[in-house]
Amino acid sequence: IPEGYSVTGYENLNTKVEIETGGFESSARLEGNTLVIEAKK
């Protein structure tokens, strides 16, 4: 995250679709001055 800025809207990066055939899920969290996003398909 650039100095002098904050992040909004990252809540929309949290999603989960998990079914028998497979799935896609993602998460986002703040850690200090970074936004950490993880996704799995």
Full PDB file with SEQRES, HELIX, SHEET, SSBOND, CRYST1, ORIGX, SCALE, CONECT and MASTER records, all heavy atoms in Angstrom:
SEQRES   1 A   41  ILE PRO GLU GLY TYR SER VAL THR GLY TYR GLU ASN LEU          
SEQRES   2 A   41  ASN THR LYS VAL GLU ILE GLU THR GLY GLY PHE GLU SER          
SEQRES   3 A   41  SER ALA ARG LEU GLU GLY ASN THR LEU VAL ILE GLU ALA          
SEQRES   4 A   41  LYS LYS                                                      
HELIX    1 AA1 TYR A   10  LEU A   13  5                                   4    
SHEET    1 AA1 3 THR A  15  ILE A  19  0                                        
SHEET    2 AA1 3 GLY A  22  GLU A  31 -1                                        
SHEET    3 AA1 3 THR A  34  LYS A  40 -1                                        
CRYST1    1.000    1.000    1.000  90.00  90.00  90.00 P 1           1          
ORIGX1      1.000000  0.000000  0.000000        0.00000                         
ORIGX2      0.000000  1.000000  0.000000        0.00000                         
ORIGX3      0.000000  0.000000  1.000000        0.00000                         
SCALE1      1.000000  0.000000  0.000000        0.00000                         
SCALE2      0.000000  1.000000  0.000000        0.00000                         
SCALE3      0.000000  0.000000  1.000000        0.00000                         
ATOM      1  N   ILE A   1       0.852  -1.196   0.000  1.00  0.00           N  
ATOM      2  CA  ILE A   1       0.000   0.000   0.000  1.00  0.00           C  
ATOM      3  C   ILE A   1       0.885   1.242   0.000  1.00  0.00           C  
ATOM      4  O   ILE A   1       1.756   1.403   0.870  1.00  0.00           O  
ATOM      5  CB  ILE A   1      -0.922  -0.001   1.233  1.00  0.00           C  
ATOM      6  CG1 ILE A   1      -1.756  -1.293   1.256  1.00  0.00           C  
ATOM      7  CG2 ILE A   1      -1.821   1.230   1.228  1.00  0.00           C  
ATOM      8  CD1 ILE A   1      -2.518  -1.500   2.557  1.00  0.00           C  
ATOM      9  N   PRO A   2       0.732   2.125  -0.982  1.00  0.00           N  
ATOM     10  CA  PRO A   2       1.582   3.321  -1.049  1.00  0.00           C  
ATOM     11  C   PRO A   2       1.426   4.186   0.209  1.00  0.00           C  
ATOM     12  O   PRO A   2       0.338   4.274   0.803  1.00  0.00           O  
ATOM     13  CB  PRO A   2       1.073   4.059  -2.288  1.00  0.00           C  
ATOM     14  CG  PRO A   2       0.343   3.028  -3.083  1.00  0.00           C  
ATOM     15  CD  PRO A   2      -0.234   2.079  -2.092  1.00  0.00           C  
ATOM     16  N   GLU A   3       2.516   4.782   0.595  1.00  0.00           N  
ATOM     17  CA  GLU A   3       2.484   5.665   1.760  1.00  0.00           C  
ATOM     18  C   GLU A   3       1.515   6.815   1.509  1.00  0.00           C  
ATOM     19  O   GLU A   3       1.494   7.416   0.431  1.00  0.00           O  
ATOM     20  CB  GLU A   3       3.885   6.200   2.039  1.00  0.00           C  
ATOM     21  CG  GLU A   3       3.985   7.004   3.331  1.00  0.00           C  
ATOM     22  CD  GLU A   3       5.405   7.436   3.637  1.00  0.00           C  
ATOM     23  OE1 GLU A   3       6.329   6.974   2.927  1.00  0.00           O  
ATOM     24  OE2 GLU A   3       5.587   8.231   4.580  1.00  0.00           O  
ATOM     25  N   GLY A   4       0.678   7.113   2.529  1.00  0.00           N  
ATOM     26  CA  GLY A   4      -0.290   8.198   2.398  1.00  0.00           C  
ATOM     27  C   GLY A   4      -1.635   7.757   1.864  1.00  0.00           C  
ATOM     28  O   GLY A   4      -2.501   8.601   1.595  1.00  0.00           O  
ATOM     29  N   TYR A   5      -1.801   6.433   1.710  1.00  0.00           N  
ATOM     30  CA  TYR A   5      -3.067   5.911   1.186  1.00  0.00           C  
ATOM     31  C   TYR A   5      -3.563   4.769   2.071  1.00  0.00           C  
ATOM     32  O   TYR A   5      -2.796   4.094   2.754  1.00  0.00           O  
ATOM     33  CB  TYR A   5      -2.895   5.406  -0.246  1.00  0.00           C  
ATOM     34  CG  TYR A   5      -2.704   6.501  -1.263  1.00  0.00           C  
ATOM     35  CD1 TYR A   5      -1.435   7.040  -1.483  1.00  0.00           C  
ATOM     36  CD2 TYR A   5      -3.777   6.999  -1.986  1.00  0.00           C  
ATOM     37  CE1 TYR A   5      -1.241   8.045  -2.412  1.00  0.00           C  
ATOM     38  CE2 TYR A   5      -3.596   8.004  -2.922  1.00  0.00           C  
ATOM     39  CZ  TYR A   5      -2.329   8.527  -3.134  1.00  0.00           C  
ATOM     40  OH  TYR A   5      -2.157   9.533  -4.050  1.00  0.00           O  
ATOM     41  N   SER A   6      -4.877   4.578   2.037  1.00  0.00           N  
ATOM     42  CA  SER A   6      -5.499   3.424   2.678  1.00  0.00           C  
ATOM     43  C   SER A   6      -6.282   2.651   1.623  1.00  0.00           C  
ATOM     44  O   SER A   6      -6.543   3.160   0.530  1.00  0.00           O  
ATOM     45  CB  SER A   6      -6.440   3.870   3.805  1.00  0.00           C  
ATOM     46  OG  SER A   6      -7.507   4.665   3.284  1.00  0.00           O  
ATOM     47  N   VAL A   7      -6.635   1.418   1.960  1.00  0.00           N  
ATOM     48  CA  VAL A   7      -7.332   0.553   1.008  1.00  0.00           C  
ATOM     49  C   VAL A   7      -8.769   0.335   1.447  1.00  0.00           C  
ATOM     50  O   VAL A   7      -9.030   0.041   2.617  1.00  0.00           O  
ATOM     51  CB  VAL A   7      -6.630  -0.811   0.887  1.00  0.00           C  
ATOM     52  CG1 VAL A   7      -7.405  -1.738  -0.044  1.00  0.00           C  
ATOM     53  CG2 VAL A   7      -5.215  -0.654   0.389  1.00  0.00           C  
ATOM     54  N   THR A   8      -9.683   0.464   0.501  1.00  0.00           N  
ATOM     55  CA  THR A   8     -11.085   0.114   0.739  1.00  0.00           C  
ATOM     56  C   THR A   8     -11.557  -0.797  -0.389  1.00  0.00           C  
ATOM     57  O   THR A   8     -10.975  -0.826  -1.470  1.00  0.00           O  
ATOM     58  CB  THR A   8     -11.989   1.359   0.795  1.00  0.00           C  
ATOM     59  OG1 THR A   8     -11.970   2.010  -0.480  1.00  0.00           O  
ATOM     60  CG2 THR A   8     -11.534   2.325   1.864  1.00  0.00           C  
ATOM     61  N   GLY A   9     -12.628  -1.536  -0.107  1.00  0.00           N  
ATOM     62  CA  GLY A   9     -13.216  -2.404  -1.120  1.00  0.00           C  
ATOM     63  C   GLY A   9     -12.624  -3.788  -1.182  1.00  0.00           C  
ATOM     64  O   GLY A   9     -13.078  -4.625  -1.975  1.00  0.00           O  
ATOM     65  N   TYR A  10     -11.628  -4.074  -0.356  1.00  0.00           N  
ATOM     66  CA  TYR A  10     -11.005  -5.400  -0.450  1.00  0.00           C  
ATOM     67  C   TYR A  10     -11.899  -6.500   0.114  1.00  0.00           C  
ATOM     68  O   TYR A  10     -11.658  -7.695  -0.105  1.00  0.00           O  
ATOM     69  CB  TYR A  10      -9.638  -5.411   0.232  1.00  0.00           C  
ATOM     70  CG  TYR A  10      -9.659  -5.192   1.726  1.00  0.00           C  
ATOM     71  CD1 TYR A  10      -9.819  -6.259   2.595  1.00  0.00           C  
ATOM     72  CD2 TYR A  10      -9.494  -3.915   2.262  1.00  0.00           C  
ATOM     73  CE1 TYR A  10      -9.813  -6.069   3.974  1.00  0.00           C  
ATOM     74  CE2 TYR A  10      -9.496  -3.707   3.622  1.00  0.00           C  
ATOM     75  CZ  TYR A  10      -9.661  -4.781   4.478  1.00  0.00           C  
ATOM     76  OH  TYR A  10      -9.667  -4.579   5.828  1.00  0.00           O  
ATOM     77  N   GLU A  11     -12.965  -6.103   0.836  1.00  0.00           N  
ATOM     78  CA  GLU A  11     -13.904  -7.105   1.346  1.00  0.00           C  
ATOM     79  C   GLU A  11     -14.540  -7.910   0.211  1.00  0.00           C  
ATOM     80  O   GLU A  11     -14.910  -9.078   0.381  1.00  0.00           O  
ATOM     81  CB  GLU A  11     -15.001  -6.431   2.163  1.00  0.00           C  
ATOM     82  CG  GLU A  11     -14.505  -5.675   3.387  1.00  0.00           C  
ATOM     83  CD  GLU A  11     -14.061  -4.250   3.050  1.00  0.00           C  
ATOM     84  OE1 GLU A  11     -14.119  -3.892   1.850  1.00  0.00           O  
ATOM     85  OE2 GLU A  11     -13.640  -3.521   3.960  1.00  0.00           O  
ATOM     86  N   ASN A  12     -14.664  -7.280  -0.970  1.00  0.00           N  
ATOM     87  CA  ASN A  12     -15.260  -7.972  -2.118  1.00  0.00           C  
ATOM     88  C   ASN A  12     -14.366  -9.076  -2.673  1.00  0.00           C  
ATOM     89  O   ASN A  12     -14.800  -9.852  -3.532  1.00  0.00           O  
ATOM     90  CB  ASN A  12     -15.561  -6.973  -3.235  1.00  0.00           C  
ATOM     91  CG  ASN A  12     -16.595  -5.949  -2.818  1.00  0.00           C  
ATOM     92  OD1 ASN A  12     -17.489  -6.243  -2.027  1.00  0.00           O  
ATOM     93  ND2 ASN A  12     -16.476  -4.730  -3.345  1.00  0.00           N  
ATOM     94  N   LEU A  13     -13.132  -9.145  -2.199  1.00  0.00           N  
ATOM     95  CA  LEU A  13     -12.213 -10.171  -2.671  1.00  0.00           C  
ATOM     96  C   LEU A  13     -12.369 -11.490  -1.911  1.00  0.00           C  
ATOM     97  O   LEU A  13     -11.678 -12.464  -2.214  1.00  0.00           O  
ATOM     98  CB  LEU A  13     -10.766  -9.677  -2.530  1.00  0.00           C  
ATOM     99  CG  LEU A  13     -10.425  -8.394  -3.302  1.00  0.00           C  
ATOM    100  CD1 LEU A  13      -9.003  -7.957  -2.990  1.00  0.00           C  
ATOM    101  CD2 LEU A  13     -10.601  -8.607  -4.795  1.00  0.00           C  
ATOM    102  N   ASN A  14     -13.257 -11.507  -0.928  1.00  0.00           N  
ATOM    103  CA  ASN A  14     -13.516 -12.729  -0.174  1.00  0.00           C  
ATOM    104  C   ASN A  14     -14.695 -13.467  -0.813  1.00  0.00           C  
ATOM    105  O   ASN A  14     -15.825 -12.971  -0.827  1.00  0.00           O  
ATOM    106  CB  ASN A  14     -13.842 -12.394   1.284  1.00  0.00           C  
ATOM    107  CG  ASN A  14     -12.648 -11.810   2.016  1.00  0.00           C  
ATOM    108  OD1 ASN A  14     -11.690 -12.509   2.329  1.00  0.00           O  
ATOM    109  ND2 ASN A  14     -12.696 -10.504   2.270  1.00  0.00           N  
ATOM    110  N   THR A  15     -14.414 -14.622  -1.372  1.00  0.00           N  
ATOM    111  CA  THR A  15     -15.461 -15.403  -2.038  1.00  0.00           C  
ATOM    112  C   THR A  15     -15.143 -16.880  -1.914  1.00  0.00           C  
ATOM    113  O   THR A  15     -13.981 -17.265  -1.717  1.00  0.00           O  
ATOM    114  CB  THR A  15     -15.589 -15.001  -3.520  1.00  0.00           C  
ATOM    115  OG1 THR A  15     -16.669 -15.697  -4.112  1.00  0.00           O  
ATOM    116  CG2 THR A  15     -14.315 -15.338  -4.288  1.00  0.00           C  
ATOM    117  N   LYS A  16     -16.182 -17.708  -2.028  1.00  0.00           N  
ATOM    118  CA  LYS A  16     -15.961 -19.150  -1.937  1.00  0.00           C  
ATOM    119  C   LYS A  16     -17.060 -19.898  -2.676  1.00  0.00           C  
ATOM    120  O   LYS A  16     -18.236 -19.745  -2.376  1.00  0.00           O  
ATOM    121  CB  LYS A  16     -15.902 -19.610  -0.483  1.00  0.00           C  
ATOM    122  CG  LYS A  16     -15.535 -21.090  -0.317  1.00  0.00           C  
ATOM    123  CD  LYS A  16     -15.330 -21.448   1.143  1.00  0.00           C  
ATOM    124  CE  LYS A  16     -14.867 -22.884   1.305  1.00  0.00           C  
ATOM    125  NZ  LYS A  16     -14.615 -23.241   2.730  1.00  0.00           N  
ATOM    126  N   VAL A  17     -16.640 -20.694  -3.649  1.00  0.00           N  
ATOM    127  CA  VAL A  17     -17.541 -21.621  -4.344  1.00  0.00           C  
ATOM    128  C   VAL A  17     -16.875 -22.985  -4.274  1.00  0.00           C  
ATOM    129  O   VAL A  17     -15.840 -23.216  -4.906  1.00  0.00           O  
ATOM    130  CB  VAL A  17     -17.773 -21.214  -5.811  1.00  0.00           C  
ATOM    131  CG1 VAL A  17     -18.634 -22.257  -6.508  1.00  0.00           C  
ATOM    132  CG2 VAL A  17     -18.418 -19.843  -5.897  1.00  0.00           C  
ATOM    133  N   GLU A  18     -17.435 -23.878  -3.508  1.00  0.00           N  
ATOM    134  CA  GLU A  18     -16.839 -25.199  -3.326  1.00  0.00           C  
ATOM    135  C   GLU A  18     -17.893 -26.255  -3.583  1.00  0.00           C  
ATOM    136  O   GLU A  18     -18.915 -26.313  -2.891  1.00  0.00           O  
ATOM    137  CB  GLU A  18     -16.270 -25.358  -1.917  1.00  0.00           C  
ATOM    138  CG  GLU A  18     -15.505 -26.653  -1.724  1.00  0.00           C  
ATOM    139  CD  GLU A  18     -14.809 -26.734  -0.378  1.00  0.00           C  
ATOM    140  OE1 GLU A  18     -14.978 -25.807   0.436  1.00  0.00           O  
ATOM    141  OE2 GLU A  18     -14.099 -27.724  -0.148  1.00  0.00           O  
ATOM    142  N   ILE A  19     -17.678 -27.083  -4.592  1.00  0.00           N  
ATOM    143  CA  ILE A  19     -18.618 -28.124  -4.963  1.00  0.00           C  
ATOM    144  C   ILE A  19     -17.852 -29.404  -5.272  1.00  0.00           C  
ATOM    145  O   ILE A  19     -16.626 -29.446  -5.199  1.00  0.00           O  
ATOM    146  CB  ILE A  19     -19.471 -27.686  -6.186  1.00  0.00           C  
ATOM    147  CG1 ILE A  19     -18.596 -27.020  -7.226  1.00  0.00           C  
ATOM    148  CG2 ILE A  19     -20.602 -26.787  -5.792  1.00  0.00           C  
ATOM    149  CD1 ILE A  19     -19.340 -26.373  -8.350  1.00  0.00           C  
ATOM    150  N   GLU A  20     -18.572 -30.457  -5.641  1.00  0.00           N  
ATOM    151  CA  GLU A  20     -17.965 -31.763  -5.834  1.00  0.00           C  
ATOM    152  C   GLU A  20     -16.919 -31.750  -6.937  1.00  0.00           C  
ATOM    153  O   GLU A  20     -15.886 -32.421  -6.838  1.00  0.00           O  
ATOM    154  CB  GLU A  20     -19.060 -32.790  -6.156  1.00  0.00           C  
ATOM    155  CG  GLU A  20     -18.545 -34.173  -6.541  1.00  0.00           C  
ATOM    156  CD  GLU A  20     -17.748 -34.856  -5.432  1.00  0.00           C  
ATOM    157  OE1 GLU A  20     -17.932 -34.498  -4.253  1.00  0.00           O  
ATOM    158  OE2 GLU A  20     -16.942 -35.740  -5.763  1.00  0.00           O  
ATOM    159  N   THR A  21     -17.172 -31.008  -7.997  1.00  0.00           N  
ATOM    160  CA  THR A  21     -16.258 -31.020  -9.139  1.00  0.00           C  
ATOM    161  C   THR A  21     -14.989 -30.215  -8.898  1.00  0.00           C  
ATOM    162  O   THR A  21     -13.992 -30.389  -9.593  1.00  0.00           O  
ATOM    163  CB  THR A  21     -16.959 -30.465 -10.384  1.00  0.00           C  
ATOM    164  OG1 THR A  21     -17.392 -29.130 -10.115  1.00  0.00           O  
ATOM    165  CG2 THR A  21     -18.162 -31.308 -10.755  1.00  0.00           C  
ATOM    166  N   GLY A  22     -15.020 -29.285  -7.963  1.00  0.00           N  
ATOM    167  CA  GLY A  22     -13.869 -28.417  -7.714  1.00  0.00           C  
ATOM    168  C   GLY A  22     -14.313 -27.172  -6.989  1.00  0.00           C  
ATOM    169  O   GLY A  22     -15.279 -27.188  -6.231  1.00  0.00           O  
ATOM    170  N   GLY A  23     -13.629 -26.075  -7.236  1.00  0.00           N  
ATOM    171  CA  GLY A  23     -14.045 -24.850  -6.571  1.00  0.00           C  
ATOM    172  C   GLY A  23     -13.094 -23.706  -6.810  1.00  0.00           C  
ATOM    173  O   GLY A  23     -12.000 -23.869  -7.367  1.00  0.00           O  
ATOM    174  N   PHE A  24     -13.555 -22.539  -6.389  1.00  0.00           N  
ATOM    175  CA  PHE A  24     -12.713 -21.347  -6.394  1.00  0.00           C  
ATOM    176  C   PHE A  24     -12.984 -20.596  -5.102  1.00  0.00           C  
ATOM    177  O   PHE A  24     -14.143 -20.368  -4.724  1.00  0.00           O  
ATOM    178  CB  PHE A  24     -13.018 -20.446  -7.589  1.00  0.00           C  
ATOM    179  CG  PHE A  24     -12.220 -19.163  -7.575  1.00  0.00           C  
ATOM    180  CD1 PHE A  24     -10.900 -19.157  -7.998  1.00  0.00           C  
ATOM    181  CD2 PHE A  24     -12.777 -17.975  -7.100  1.00  0.00           C  
ATOM    182  CE1 PHE A  24     -10.147 -17.995  -7.972  1.00  0.00           C  
ATOM    183  CE2 PHE A  24     -12.034 -16.805  -7.071  1.00  0.00           C  
ATOM    184  CZ  PHE A  24     -10.715 -16.815  -7.510  1.00  0.00           C  
ATOM    185  N   GLU A  25     -11.918 -20.220  -4.416  1.00  0.00           N  
ATOM    186  CA  GLU A  25     -12.076 -19.422  -3.206  1.00  0.00           C  
ATOM    187  C   GLU A  25     -10.944 -18.414  -3.117  1.00  0.00           C  
ATOM    188  O   GLU A  25      -9.835 -18.630  -3.617  1.00  0.00           O  
ATOM    189  CB  GLU A  25     -12.109 -20.307  -1.967  1.00  0.00           C  
ATOM    190  CG  GLU A  25     -10.870 -21.145  -1.728  1.00  0.00           C  
ATOM    191  CD  GLU A  25     -11.002 -21.987  -0.470  1.00  0.00           C  
ATOM    192  OE1 GLU A  25     -11.041 -21.392   0.639  1.00  0.00           O  
ATOM    193  OE2 GLU A  25     -11.074 -23.222  -0.596  1.00  0.00           O  
ATOM    194  N   SER A  26     -11.256 -17.290  -2.518  1.00  0.00           N  
ATOM    195  CA  SER A  26     -10.265 -16.226  -2.375  1.00  0.00           C  
ATOM    196  C   SER A  26     -10.487 -15.508  -1.061  1.00  0.00           C  
ATOM    197  O   SER A  26     -11.589 -15.506  -0.503  1.00  0.00           O  
ATOM    198  CB  SER A  26     -10.360 -15.236  -3.543  1.00  0.00           C  
ATOM    199  OG  SER A  26     -11.646 -14.635  -3.588  1.00  0.00           O  
ATOM    200  N   SER A  27      -9.424 -14.893  -0.567  1.00  0.00           N  
ATOM    201  CA  SER A  27      -9.512 -14.143   0.683  1.00  0.00           C  
ATOM    202  C   SER A  27      -8.571 -12.950   0.606  1.00  0.00           C  
ATOM    203  O   SER A  27      -7.601 -12.951  -0.156  1.00  0.00           O  
ATOM    204  CB  SER A  27      -9.139 -15.025   1.880  1.00  0.00           C  
ATOM    205  OG  SER A  27      -7.785 -15.447   1.784  1.00  0.00           O  
ATOM    206  N   ALA A  28      -8.853 -11.931   1.401  1.00  0.00           N  
ATOM    207  CA  ALA A  28      -8.006 -10.734   1.452  1.00  0.00           C  
ATOM    208  C   ALA A  28      -7.934 -10.241   2.887  1.00  0.00           C  
ATOM    209  O   ALA A  28      -8.943 -10.242   3.614  1.00  0.00           O  
ATOM    210  CB  ALA A  28      -8.565  -9.647   0.539  1.00  0.00           C  
ATOM    211  N   ARG A  29      -6.738  -9.820   3.287  1.00  0.00           N  
ATOM    212  CA  ARG A  29      -6.556  -9.324   4.651  1.00  0.00           C  
ATOM    213  C   ARG A  29      -5.445  -8.286   4.655  1.00  0.00           C  
ATOM    214  O   ARG A  29      -4.540  -8.300   3.806  1.00  0.00           O  
ATOM    215  CB  ARG A  29      -6.213 -10.467   5.602  1.00  0.00           C  
ATOM    216  CG  ARG A  29      -4.890 -11.143   5.290  1.00  0.00           C  
ATOM    217  CD  ARG A  29      -4.634 -12.365   6.164  1.00  0.00           C  
ATOM    218  NE  ARG A  29      -3.321 -12.960   5.912  1.00  0.00           N  
ATOM    219  CZ  ARG A  29      -3.070 -13.834   4.958  1.00  0.00           C  
ATOM    220  NH1 ARG A  29      -4.054 -14.237   4.157  1.00  0.00           N  
ATOM    221  NH2 ARG A  29      -1.846 -14.326   4.808  1.00  0.00           N  
ATOM    222  N   LEU A  30      -5.506  -7.382   5.621  1.00  0.00           N  
ATOM    223  CA  LEU A  30      -4.463  -6.378   5.794  1.00  0.00           C  
ATOM    224  C   LEU A  30      -3.408  -6.900   6.754  1.00  0.00           C  
ATOM    225  O   LEU A  30      -3.727  -7.446   7.812  1.00  0.00           O  
ATOM    226  CB  LEU A  30      -5.054  -5.079   6.329  1.00  0.00           C  
ATOM    227  CG  LEU A  30      -5.963  -4.292   5.375  1.00  0.00           C  
ATOM    228  CD1 LEU A  30      -6.549  -3.078   6.095  1.00  0.00           C  
ATOM    229  CD2 LEU A  30      -5.194  -3.860   4.134  1.00  0.00           C  
ATOM    230  N   GLU A  31      -2.149  -6.747   6.373  1.00  0.00           N  
ATOM    231  CA  GLU A  31      -1.027  -7.078   7.245  1.00  0.00           C  
ATOM    232  C   GLU A  31      -0.060  -5.903   7.202  1.00  0.00           C  
ATOM    233  O   GLU A  31       0.724  -5.767   6.257  1.00  0.00           O  
ATOM    234  CB  GLU A  31      -0.333  -8.367   6.793  1.00  0.00           C  
ATOM    235  CG  GLU A  31      -1.159  -9.624   6.991  1.00  0.00           C  
ATOM    236  CD  GLU A  31      -0.389 -10.896   6.664  1.00  0.00           C  
ATOM    237  OE1 GLU A  31       0.803 -10.772   6.281  1.00  0.00           O  
ATOM    238  OE2 GLU A  31      -0.952 -11.994   6.788  1.00  0.00           O  
ATOM    239  N   GLY A  32      -0.148  -5.027   8.210  1.00  0.00           N  
ATOM    240  CA  GLY A  32       0.691  -3.837   8.222  1.00  0.00           C  
ATOM    241  C   GLY A  32       0.368  -2.945   7.040  1.00  0.00           C  
ATOM    242  O   GLY A  32      -0.790  -2.583   6.804  1.00  0.00           O  
ATOM    243  N   ASN A  33       1.392  -2.631   6.256  1.00  0.00           N  
ATOM    244  CA  ASN A  33       1.178  -1.759   5.100  1.00  0.00           C  
ATOM    245  C   ASN A  33       0.996  -2.562   3.811  1.00  0.00           C  
ATOM    246  O   ASN A  33       1.257  -2.066   2.714  1.00  0.00           O  
ATOM    247  CB  ASN A  33       2.349  -0.788   4.933  1.00  0.00           C  
ATOM    248  CG  ASN A  33       3.647  -1.503   4.569  1.00  0.00           C  
ATOM    249  OD1 ASN A  33       3.785  -2.704   4.829  1.00  0.00           O  
ATOM    250  ND2 ASN A  33       4.577  -0.780   3.963  1.00  0.00           N  
ATOM    251  N   THR A  34       0.552  -3.825   3.938  1.00  0.00           N  
ATOM    252  CA  THR A  34       0.310  -4.649   2.749  1.00  0.00           C  
ATOM    253  C   THR A  34      -1.103  -5.225   2.777  1.00  0.00           C  
ATOM    254  O   THR A  34      -1.689  -5.437   3.852  1.00  0.00           O  
ATOM    255  CB  THR A  34       1.309  -5.815   2.643  1.00  0.00           C  
ATOM    256  OG1 THR A  34       1.109  -6.712   3.755  1.00  0.00           O  
ATOM    257  CG2 THR A  34       2.738  -5.312   2.627  1.00  0.00           C  
ATOM    258  N   LEU A  35      -1.617  -5.464   1.596  1.00  0.00           N  
ATOM    259  CA  LEU A  35      -2.863  -6.206   1.421  1.00  0.00           C  
ATOM    260  C   LEU A  35      -2.477  -7.570   0.869  1.00  0.00           C  
ATOM    261  O   LEU A  35      -1.862  -7.667  -0.199  1.00  0.00           O  
ATOM    262  CB  LEU A  35      -3.799  -5.481   0.449  1.00  0.00           C  
ATOM    263  CG  LEU A  35      -5.076  -6.225   0.061  1.00  0.00           C  
ATOM    264  CD1 LEU A  35      -6.000  -6.403   1.261  1.00  0.00           C  
ATOM    265  CD2 LEU A  35      -5.810  -5.494  -1.072  1.00  0.00           C  
ATOM    266  N   VAL A  36      -2.817  -8.641   1.600  1.00  0.00           N  
ATOM    267  CA  VAL A  36      -2.455 -10.000   1.196  1.00  0.00           C  
ATOM    268  C   VAL A  36      -3.700 -10.692   0.652  1.00  0.00           C  
ATOM    269  O   VAL A  36      -4.716 -10.815   1.334  1.00  0.00           O  
ATOM    270  CB  VAL A  36      -1.876 -10.805   2.375  1.00  0.00           C  
ATOM    271  CG1 VAL A  36      -1.531 -12.228   1.927  1.00  0.00           C  
ATOM    272  CG2 VAL A  36      -0.643 -10.108   2.935  1.00  0.00           C  
ATOM    273  N   ILE A  37      -3.596 -11.142  -0.587  1.00  0.00           N  
ATOM    274  CA  ILE A  37      -4.709 -11.805  -1.270  1.00  0.00           C  
ATOM    275  C   ILE A  37      -4.284 -13.227  -1.612  1.00  0.00           C  
ATOM    276  O   ILE A  37      -3.187 -13.452  -2.137  1.00  0.00           O  
ATOM    277  CB  ILE A  37      -5.080 -11.054  -2.563  1.00  0.00           C  
ATOM    278  CG1 ILE A  37      -5.436  -9.601  -2.252  1.00  0.00           C  
ATOM    279  CG2 ILE A  37      -6.228 -11.745  -3.291  1.00  0.00           C  
ATOM    280  CD1 ILE A  37      -5.424  -8.711  -3.471  1.00  0.00           C  
ATOM    281  N   GLU A  38      -5.139 -14.173  -1.317  1.00  0.00           N  
ATOM    282  CA  GLU A  38      -4.878 -15.559  -1.664  1.00  0.00           C  
ATOM    283  C   GLU A  38      -6.069 -16.115  -2.429  1.00  0.00           C  
ATOM    284  O   GLU A  38      -7.224 -15.858  -2.085  1.00  0.00           O  
ATOM    285  CB  GLU A  38      -4.594 -16.403  -0.424  1.00  0.00           C  
ATOM    286  CG  GLU A  38      -3.324 -15.975   0.301  1.00  0.00           C  
ATOM    287  CD  GLU A  38      -2.963 -16.895   1.442  1.00  0.00           C  
ATOM    288  OE1 GLU A  38      -2.390 -17.962   1.158  1.00  0.00           O  
ATOM    289  OE2 GLU A  38      -3.249 -16.546   2.599  1.00  0.00           O  
ATOM    290  N   ALA A  39      -5.782 -16.881  -3.482  1.00  0.00           N  
ATOM    291  CA  ALA A  39      -6.839 -17.473  -4.300  1.00  0.00           C  
ATOM    292  C   ALA A  39      -6.465 -18.903  -4.642  1.00  0.00           C  
ATOM    293  O   ALA A  39      -5.280 -19.227  -4.799  1.00  0.00           O  
ATOM    294  CB  ALA A  39      -7.059 -16.658  -5.567  1.00  0.00           C  
ATOM    295  N   LYS A  40      -7.482 -19.742  -4.762  1.00  0.00           N  
ATOM    296  CA  LYS A  40      -7.263 -21.147  -5.127  1.00  0.00           C  
ATOM    297  C   LYS A  40      -8.361 -21.605  -6.071  1.00  0.00           C  
ATOM    298  O   LYS A  40      -9.547 -21.414  -5.797  1.00  0.00           O  
ATOM    299  CB  LYS A  40      -7.254 -22.048  -3.888  1.00  0.00           C  
ATOM    300  CG  LYS A  40      -6.997 -23.523  -4.206  1.00  0.00           C  
ATOM    301  CD  LYS A  40      -7.087 -24.400  -2.969  1.00  0.00           C  
ATOM    302  CE  LYS A  40      -8.529 -24.689  -2.587  1.00  0.00           C  
ATOM    303  NZ  LYS A  40      -8.648 -25.744  -1.547  1.00  0.00           N  
ATOM    304  N   LYS A  41      -7.955 -22.196  -7.184  1.00  0.00           N  
ATOM    305  CA  LYS A  41      -8.904 -22.823  -8.111  1.00  0.00           C  
ATOM    306  C   LYS A  41      -8.520 -24.289  -8.242  1.00  0.00           C  
ATOM    307  O   LYS A  41      -7.354 -24.616  -8.464  1.00  0.00           O  
ATOM    308  CB  LYS A  41      -8.877 -22.141  -9.477  1.00  0.00           C  
ATOM    309  CG  LYS A  41      -9.890 -22.739 -10.457  1.00  0.00           C  
ATOM    310  CD  LYS A  41      -9.970 -21.947 -11.751  1.00  0.00           C  
ATOM    311  CE  LYS A  41      -8.698 -22.033 -12.548  1.00  0.00           C  
ATOM    312  NZ  LYS A  41      -8.824 -21.395 -13.880  1.00  0.00           N  
TER     313      LYS A  41                                                      
MASTER        0    0    0    1    3    0    0    6  312    1    0    4          
END                                                                             
